[in-house]
Amino acid sequence: MRPTIYDVAKESKVSIATVSKVINNSGNMRDSTRQRVKDAMKRLNYRPSMMASALTGKGTETLGLLVPDISNPFFSELARTIEDRAHENGMSVIICSTDYNPEKEAKYLDLLQRKQVDGFIVASTFQDKSLLNELKSNGVPLVMLTHDNVGLNAPSVSVDDFKGGYEATSYLISAGHENIVIIAEHANSSSMRIYGYREAHVAHGLTCSEENIYKTTALVENGRKTFLEIVNKGQTPTAIFACNDLIAIGVIQGAKEIGINVPMQLSVIGFDDTILATTTVPALTTVAQPISDMGRKVVDIIIAEIKGEDLTTESVLFPPELIVRGTTK
């Protein structure tokens, strides 16, 4: 049976109140008494209840992080940075992967609330924003890791997706490409990258064909299939801007499969600059998100909210950076 605070009190021959003071590092007592209680906790392998701490208003020193797909290197690298920054501040992180599924979103929000997490970090567009509005109305600290927070009174941290899309497309146009296909995701971030893609065409005096805009989900296989679909339609783009490194890698695989040389016959640009970008042959040209800076900033904001600071209007927009490697010519 799991030991209780009563067992610790009996083992150390003190009151329950004294044990509670030791757990919460409060109250005045002899050092010898405090050490005796700690020794008893160690002997019994006693772990204080985080739920009990929450009920006393002390908090659980835990954050809830909701990401759409933890297997996506961007979100896994982001989650690691968030976890490291939280650890620096004495906090832990519970990570949940929602798959853009409204049922999972509701389930995990309920689970994390029952676990009394001190605040929420939501790292993507939420399908049902009413759930997040309910959190905010209940005074729960919440930060969005996306600029898609319209109608949601919450601070946000994100990258300038429009600028990233514009710079990637402008670079390709400046390199002499006029027939550029964009393969995007079904996400708000990709919508902003598409706007940048369109605007770059306008700025360079080129017509932007809507037939060159494709959407899929962020999987290597989907990038490969979409590229082969483009080729089978008879389209002959000289460049492809993929709104995700995974999709870009799939495009490279598809091109290799049918004998198209990257970059001599086809230039490819990705987005995110995850660790995978340097593992392709040739290495992937991509638009880098400052993952480490974004992760650290979002934790700093949520901790400030937990401490009672009003940051509902805080909106941090990080600039992207085009990293030129070997998949563009």
Protein backbone atom coordinates (compact mmCIF):
# COMPACT_ATOMS: atom_id res chain seq x y z
CA MET A 1 0.00 0.00 0.00
CA ARG A 2 1.22 3.47 -0.85
CA PRO A 3 2.48 5.31 2.27
CA THR A 4 0.53 8.34 3.45
CA ILE A 5 1.32 11.51 5.35
CA TYR A 6 -0.03 9.72 8.45
CA ASP A 7 2.59 7.00 8.06
CA VAL A 8 5.34 9.60 7.82
CA ALA A 9 4.09 11.34 10.97
CA LYS A 10 4.03 8.05 12.86
CA GLU A 11 7.47 7.00 11.59
CA SER A 12 9.11 10.32 12.51
CA LYS A 13 7.12 10.72 15.78
CA VAL A 14 5.76 14.17 14.93
CA SER A 15 2.35 15.61 14.10
CA ILE A 16 0.77 15.62 10.63
CA ALA A 17 1.01 19.42 10.69
CA THR A 18 4.77 19.19 11.15
CA VAL A 19 5.11 16.79 8.21
CA SER A 20 3.04 19.18 6.09
CA LYS A 21 5.35 22.08 7.00
CA VAL A 22 8.38 20.03 5.96
CA ILE A 23 6.76 19.09 2.64
CA ASN A 24 5.88 22.73 1.93
CA ASN A 25 9.18 24.04 3.31
CA SER A 26 7.35 26.34 5.70
CA GLY A 27 7.06 27.00 9.43
CA ASN A 28 9.69 27.12 12.17
CA MET A 29 11.17 23.97 13.68
CA ARG A 30 14.48 22.52 14.72
CA ASP A 31 16.73 21.39 11.91
CA SER A 32 16.95 18.00 13.56
CA THR A 33 13.15 17.62 13.45
CA ARG A 34 13.01 18.64 9.79
CA GLN A 35 15.74 16.15 8.94
CA ARG A 36 13.99 13.39 10.91
CA VAL A 37 10.86 13.87 8.84
CA LYS A 38 12.84 13.87 5.58
CA ASP A 39 14.61 10.67 6.62
CA ALA A 40 11.24 9.03 7.39
CA MET A 41 9.89 10.07 3.97
CA LYS A 42 12.94 8.53 2.32
CA ARG A 43 12.67 5.26 4.28
CA LEU A 44 9.00 4.93 3.44
CA ASN A 45 9.52 6.06 -0.17
CA TYR A 46 6.81 8.66 0.38
CA ARG A 47 5.91 11.03 -2.45
CA PRO A 48 3.81 14.11 -1.59
CA SER A 49 0.53 14.35 -3.50
CA MET A 50 0.58 17.03 -6.19
CA MET A 51 -3.21 17.11 -6.06
CA ALA A 52 -3.12 17.90 -2.37
CA SER A 53 -0.74 20.78 -3.03
CA ALA A 54 -3.11 22.11 -5.68
CA LEU A 55 -6.05 21.99 -3.28
CA THR A 56 -4.14 24.14 -0.79
CA GLY A 57 -3.61 26.74 -3.50
CA LYS A 58 0.12 26.10 -3.90
CA GLY A 59 -0.10 24.76 -7.45
CA THR A 60 1.39 21.59 -8.86
CA GLU A 61 4.39 23.18 -10.62
CA THR A 62 3.22 21.41 -13.79
CA LEU A 63 2.44 22.71 -17.28
CA GLY A 64 0.20 21.08 -19.87
CA LEU A 65 1.53 21.14 -23.45
CA LEU A 66 -0.78 20.21 -26.31
CA VAL A 67 0.80 19.60 -29.72
CA PRO A 68 -0.89 18.23 -32.86
CA ASP A 69 1.74 15.55 -33.63
CA ILE A 70 4.69 14.80 -31.34
CA SER A 71 6.22 12.57 -34.04
CA ASN A 72 6.74 15.67 -36.21
CA PRO A 73 10.37 16.74 -35.53
CA PHE A 74 9.35 20.40 -35.28
CA PHE A 75 6.98 19.72 -32.39
CA SER A 76 9.30 17.22 -30.69
CA GLU A 77 12.20 19.70 -30.81
CA LEU A 78 9.88 22.46 -29.58
CA ALA A 79 8.58 20.25 -26.76
CA ARG A 80 12.14 19.47 -25.65
CA THR A 81 13.01 23.16 -25.46
CA ILE A 82 9.84 23.88 -23.49
CA GLU A 83 10.59 21.01 -21.11
CA ASP A 84 14.17 22.21 -20.56
CA ARG A 85 13.08 25.80 -19.90
CA ALA A 86 10.34 24.63 -17.52
CA HIS A 87 12.87 22.47 -15.67
CA GLU A 88 15.12 25.51 -15.24
CA ASN A 89 12.18 27.12 -13.43
CA GLY A 90 11.40 24.12 -11.24
CA MET A 91 8.43 22.94 -13.27
CA SER A 92 7.46 19.76 -15.11
CA VAL A 93 5.59 19.35 -18.42
CA ILE A 94 2.86 16.88 -19.41
CA ILE A 95 2.79 16.52 -23.21
CA CYS A 96 -0.33 15.45 -25.13
CA SER A 97 -0.59 14.86 -28.90
CA THR A 98 -4.02 15.83 -30.29
CA ASP A 99 -3.71 14.88 -34.01
CA TYR A 100 -5.92 17.92 -34.79
CA ASN A 101 -8.77 15.75 -33.44
CA PRO A 102 -11.52 17.70 -31.59
CA GLU A 103 -12.34 14.68 -29.41
CA LYS A 104 -8.71 14.33 -28.33
CA GLU A 105 -8.46 18.06 -27.70
CA ALA A 106 -11.46 17.94 -25.35
CA LYS A 107 -10.24 14.74 -23.69
CA TYR A 108 -6.75 16.04 -22.95
CA LEU A 109 -7.96 19.43 -21.76
CA ASP A 110 -10.25 17.65 -19.29
CA LEU A 111 -7.47 15.28 -18.20
CA LEU A 112 -4.95 18.06 -17.61
CA GLN A 113 -7.49 20.13 -15.68
CA ARG A 114 -8.23 17.16 -13.44
CA LYS A 115 -4.49 16.86 -12.85
CA GLN A 116 -4.56 20.51 -11.77
CA VAL A 117 -1.81 21.75 -14.11
CA ASP A 118 -0.87 25.34 -13.42
CA GLY A 119 -1.14 26.50 -17.03
CA PHE A 120 -1.59 25.42 -20.65
CA ILE A 121 0.60 25.85 -23.73
CA VAL A 122 -1.26 25.08 -26.97
CA ALA A 123 1.15 24.59 -29.87
CA SER A 124 -1.24 24.68 -32.84
CA THR A 125 -4.59 25.82 -34.13
CA PHE A 126 -7.32 24.33 -31.93
CA GLN A 127 -10.35 22.92 -33.71
CA ASP A 128 -12.78 23.96 -30.97
CA LYS A 129 -11.74 27.36 -29.64
CA SER A 130 -14.72 27.47 -27.28
CA LEU A 131 -12.83 25.01 -25.07
CA LEU A 132 -9.92 27.42 -24.80
CA ASN A 133 -12.23 30.38 -24.22
CA GLU A 134 -13.74 28.43 -21.33
CA LEU A 135 -10.27 27.96 -19.84
CA LYS A 136 -9.59 31.68 -20.06
CA SER A 137 -12.96 32.59 -18.56
CA ASN A 138 -12.09 30.37 -15.59
CA GLY A 139 -8.84 32.26 -15.10
CA VAL A 140 -6.54 29.43 -16.22
CA PRO A 141 -3.18 30.68 -17.60
CA LEU A 142 -2.96 29.92 -21.33
CA VAL A 143 -0.44 30.76 -24.07
CA MET A 144 -0.83 29.95 -27.77
CA LEU A 145 2.16 28.82 -29.83
CA THR A 146 0.49 30.07 -33.00
CA HIS A 147 -0.73 33.45 -34.25
CA ASP A 148 -4.18 31.93 -34.84
CA ASN A 149 -5.69 33.35 -31.66
CA VAL A 150 -8.45 35.46 -33.22
CA GLY A 151 -11.38 35.64 -30.82
CA LEU A 152 -9.23 34.20 -28.04
CA ASN A 153 -8.08 36.53 -25.30
CA ALA A 154 -4.68 34.89 -24.80
CA PRO A 155 -1.03 35.79 -25.40
CA SER A 156 0.74 34.16 -28.33
CA VAL A 157 4.21 33.24 -29.57
CA SER A 158 4.79 32.42 -33.24
CA VAL A 159 6.98 32.88 -36.29
CA ASP A 160 6.18 35.29 -39.11
CA ASP A 161 4.81 32.68 -41.52
CA PHE A 162 3.87 35.26 -44.15
CA LYS A 163 7.44 36.54 -44.28
CA GLY A 164 8.78 32.99 -44.45
CA GLY A 165 6.57 32.16 -47.42
CA TYR A 166 7.46 35.41 -49.13
CA GLU A 167 11.22 35.03 -48.68
CA ALA A 168 11.29 31.38 -49.81
CA THR A 169 9.33 32.18 -52.97
CA SER A 170 11.28 35.38 -53.70
CA TYR A 171 14.54 33.45 -53.43
CA LEU A 172 13.32 30.90 -55.98
CA ILE A 173 12.06 33.60 -58.36
CA SER A 174 15.35 35.49 -58.06
CA ALA A 175 17.14 32.24 -58.96
CA GLY A 176 15.22 32.19 -62.27
CA HIS A 177 12.25 29.96 -61.40
CA GLU A 178 8.83 30.99 -62.71
CA ASN A 179 6.84 27.75 -62.37
CA ILE A 180 6.88 27.21 -58.60
CA VAL A 181 4.55 24.77 -56.84
CA ILE A 182 3.72 25.16 -53.14
CA ILE A 183 2.70 22.12 -51.06
CA ALA A 184 1.09 23.29 -47.83
CA GLU A 185 -0.58 21.77 -44.78
CA HIS A 186 -4.19 22.07 -43.64
CA ALA A 187 -3.19 24.59 -40.96
CA ASN A 188 -3.39 28.32 -40.33
CA SER A 189 0.40 28.63 -40.45
CA SER A 190 0.44 27.22 -43.98
CA SER A 191 -2.33 29.63 -45.02
CA MET A 192 -0.06 32.53 -44.05
CA ARG A 193 2.84 30.95 -45.98
CA ILE A 194 0.58 30.68 -49.03
CA TYR A 195 -0.25 34.41 -48.74
CA GLY A 196 3.48 35.11 -48.73
CA TYR A 197 3.93 32.84 -51.75
CA ARG A 198 1.24 34.74 -53.65
CA GLU A 199 2.58 38.16 -52.66
CA ALA A 200 6.10 37.27 -53.83
CA HIS A 201 4.71 36.49 -57.29
CA VAL A 202 2.93 39.84 -57.39
CA ALA A 203 6.05 41.70 -56.21
CA HIS A 204 8.10 40.14 -59.01
CA GLY A 205 5.47 40.76 -61.68
CA LEU A 206 4.55 37.09 -62.13
CA THR A 207 1.14 35.44 -62.35
CA CYS A 208 0.40 33.11 -59.44
CA SER A 209 -1.54 30.07 -60.66
CA GLU A 210 -3.92 28.61 -58.08
CA GLU A 211 -3.35 25.24 -59.76
CA ASN A 212 0.15 25.31 -58.29
CA ILE A 213 -1.19 25.27 -54.71
CA TYR A 214 -1.55 21.85 -53.08
CA LYS A 215 -2.45 20.83 -49.55
CA THR A 216 -1.72 17.66 -47.61
CA THR A 217 -0.72 16.55 -44.10
CA ALA A 218 2.82 16.68 -42.77
CA LEU A 219 4.16 13.23 -43.59
CA VAL A 220 7.13 12.25 -45.77
CA GLU A 221 4.94 9.80 -47.69
CA ASN A 222 2.36 12.49 -48.39
CA GLY A 223 5.05 14.76 -49.81
CA ARG A 224 6.17 11.95 -52.09
CA LYS A 225 2.62 11.12 -53.23
CA THR A 226 1.73 14.76 -53.85
CA PHE A 227 4.84 15.29 -55.96
CA LEU A 228 4.11 12.20 -58.07
CA GLU A 229 0.53 13.43 -58.47
CA ILE A 230 1.85 16.76 -59.76
CA VAL A 231 4.09 15.02 -62.28
CA ASN A 232 1.32 12.65 -63.40
CA LYS A 233 -0.88 15.67 -64.15
CA GLY A 234 1.72 16.78 -66.67
CA GLN A 235 2.87 19.74 -64.62
CA THR A 236 6.57 20.46 -64.88
CA PRO A 237 7.58 22.79 -62.05
CA THR A 238 11.24 23.71 -61.75
CA ALA A 239 10.88 24.43 -58.04
CA ILE A 240 8.75 23.32 -55.11
CA PHE A 241 8.24 25.19 -51.84
CA ALA A 242 7.08 22.72 -49.18
CA CYS A 243 5.57 24.27 -46.05
CA ASN A 244 7.16 21.59 -43.88
CA ASP A 245 10.52 19.76 -43.89
CA LEU A 246 8.79 16.36 -43.85
CA ILE A 247 6.85 17.19 -47.02
CA ALA A 248 10.02 18.53 -48.65
CA ILE A 249 11.88 15.30 -47.91
CA GLY A 250 9.00 13.35 -49.46
CA VAL A 251 9.27 15.50 -52.59
CA ILE A 252 12.99 14.72 -52.83
CA GLN A 253 12.26 11.00 -52.48
CA GLY A 254 9.59 11.18 -55.19
CA ALA A 255 11.91 13.04 -57.55
CA LYS A 256 14.65 10.47 -57.04
CA GLU A 257 12.16 7.66 -57.68
CA ILE A 258 11.39 8.92 -61.21
CA GLY A 259 14.88 10.08 -62.07
CA ILE A 260 14.57 13.83 -61.50
CA ASN A 261 17.76 15.33 -60.13
CA VAL A 262 17.60 17.69 -57.15
CA PRO A 263 18.73 20.44 -57.54
CA MET A 264 19.82 20.32 -61.21
CA GLN A 265 16.29 19.70 -62.53
CA LEU A 266 14.19 20.57 -59.49
CA SER A 267 14.85 22.98 -56.61
CA VAL A 268 13.20 22.20 -53.25
CA ILE A 269 12.73 24.40 -50.19
CA GLY A 270 11.27 23.21 -46.88
CA PHE A 271 10.11 25.00 -43.73
CA ASP A 272 11.09 24.59 -40.03
CA ASP A 273 14.80 23.64 -40.24
CA THR A 274 14.46 20.57 -38.01
CA ILE A 275 17.32 18.13 -37.52
CA LEU A 276 16.10 16.24 -40.60
CA ALA A 277 17.07 19.14 -42.85
CA THR A 278 20.75 18.27 -42.55
CA THR A 279 20.28 14.52 -43.03
CA THR A 280 19.07 14.62 -46.64
CA VAL A 281 21.42 14.25 -49.60
CA PRO A 282 21.86 16.98 -50.64
CA ALA A 283 21.09 18.90 -47.42
CA LEU A 284 17.75 20.71 -47.48
CA THR A 285 17.35 24.41 -48.16
CA THR A 286 14.68 25.50 -45.71
CA VAL A 287 13.08 28.37 -43.80
CA ALA A 288 14.25 28.16 -40.19
CA GLN A 289 11.98 28.79 -37.24
CA PRO A 290 13.86 29.89 -34.08
CA ILE A 291 12.58 26.84 -32.19
CA SER A 292 14.73 27.34 -29.09
CA ASP A 293 13.85 31.04 -28.72
CA MET A 294 10.14 30.34 -29.22
CA GLY A 295 10.10 27.52 -26.68
CA ARG A 296 11.91 29.52 -24.01
CA LYS A 297 9.73 32.60 -24.58
CA VAL A 298 6.44 30.71 -24.29
CA VAL A 299 7.50 29.20 -20.95
CA ASP A 300 8.55 32.62 -19.64
CA ILE A 301 5.15 34.02 -20.57
CA ILE A 302 3.13 31.18 -19.00
CA ILE A 303 5.14 31.43 -15.76
CA ALA A 304 4.53 35.18 -15.65
CA GLU A 305 0.79 34.50 -16.11
CA ILE A 306 0.82 31.91 -13.32
CA LYS A 307 2.40 34.54 -11.07
CA GLY A 308 -0.55 36.83 -11.79
CA GLU A 309 0.76 39.13 -14.52
CA ASP A 310 -1.83 40.17 -17.12
CA LEU A 311 -0.29 39.33 -20.51
CA THR A 312 -3.48 38.78 -22.55
CA THR A 313 -2.35 41.27 -25.20
CA GLU A 314 1.20 39.90 -25.45
CA SER A 315 1.95 38.80 -29.03
CA VAL A 316 5.51 37.81 -29.89
CA LEU A 317 6.32 37.32 -33.58
CA PHE A 318 9.77 35.88 -34.33
CA PRO A 319 11.39 36.44 -37.75
CA PRO A 320 12.18 33.36 -39.89
CA GLU A 321 15.51 32.84 -41.63
CA LEU A 322 16.12 31.28 -45.03
CA ILE A 323 18.89 28.67 -44.76
CA VAL A 324 20.34 27.93 -48.21
CA ARG A 325 21.81 24.45 -48.60
CA GLY A 326 22.07 21.97 -51.44
CA THR A 327 18.52 21.37 -52.72
CA THR A 328 18.21 24.66 -54.60
CA LYS A 329 20.00 25.88 -57.69
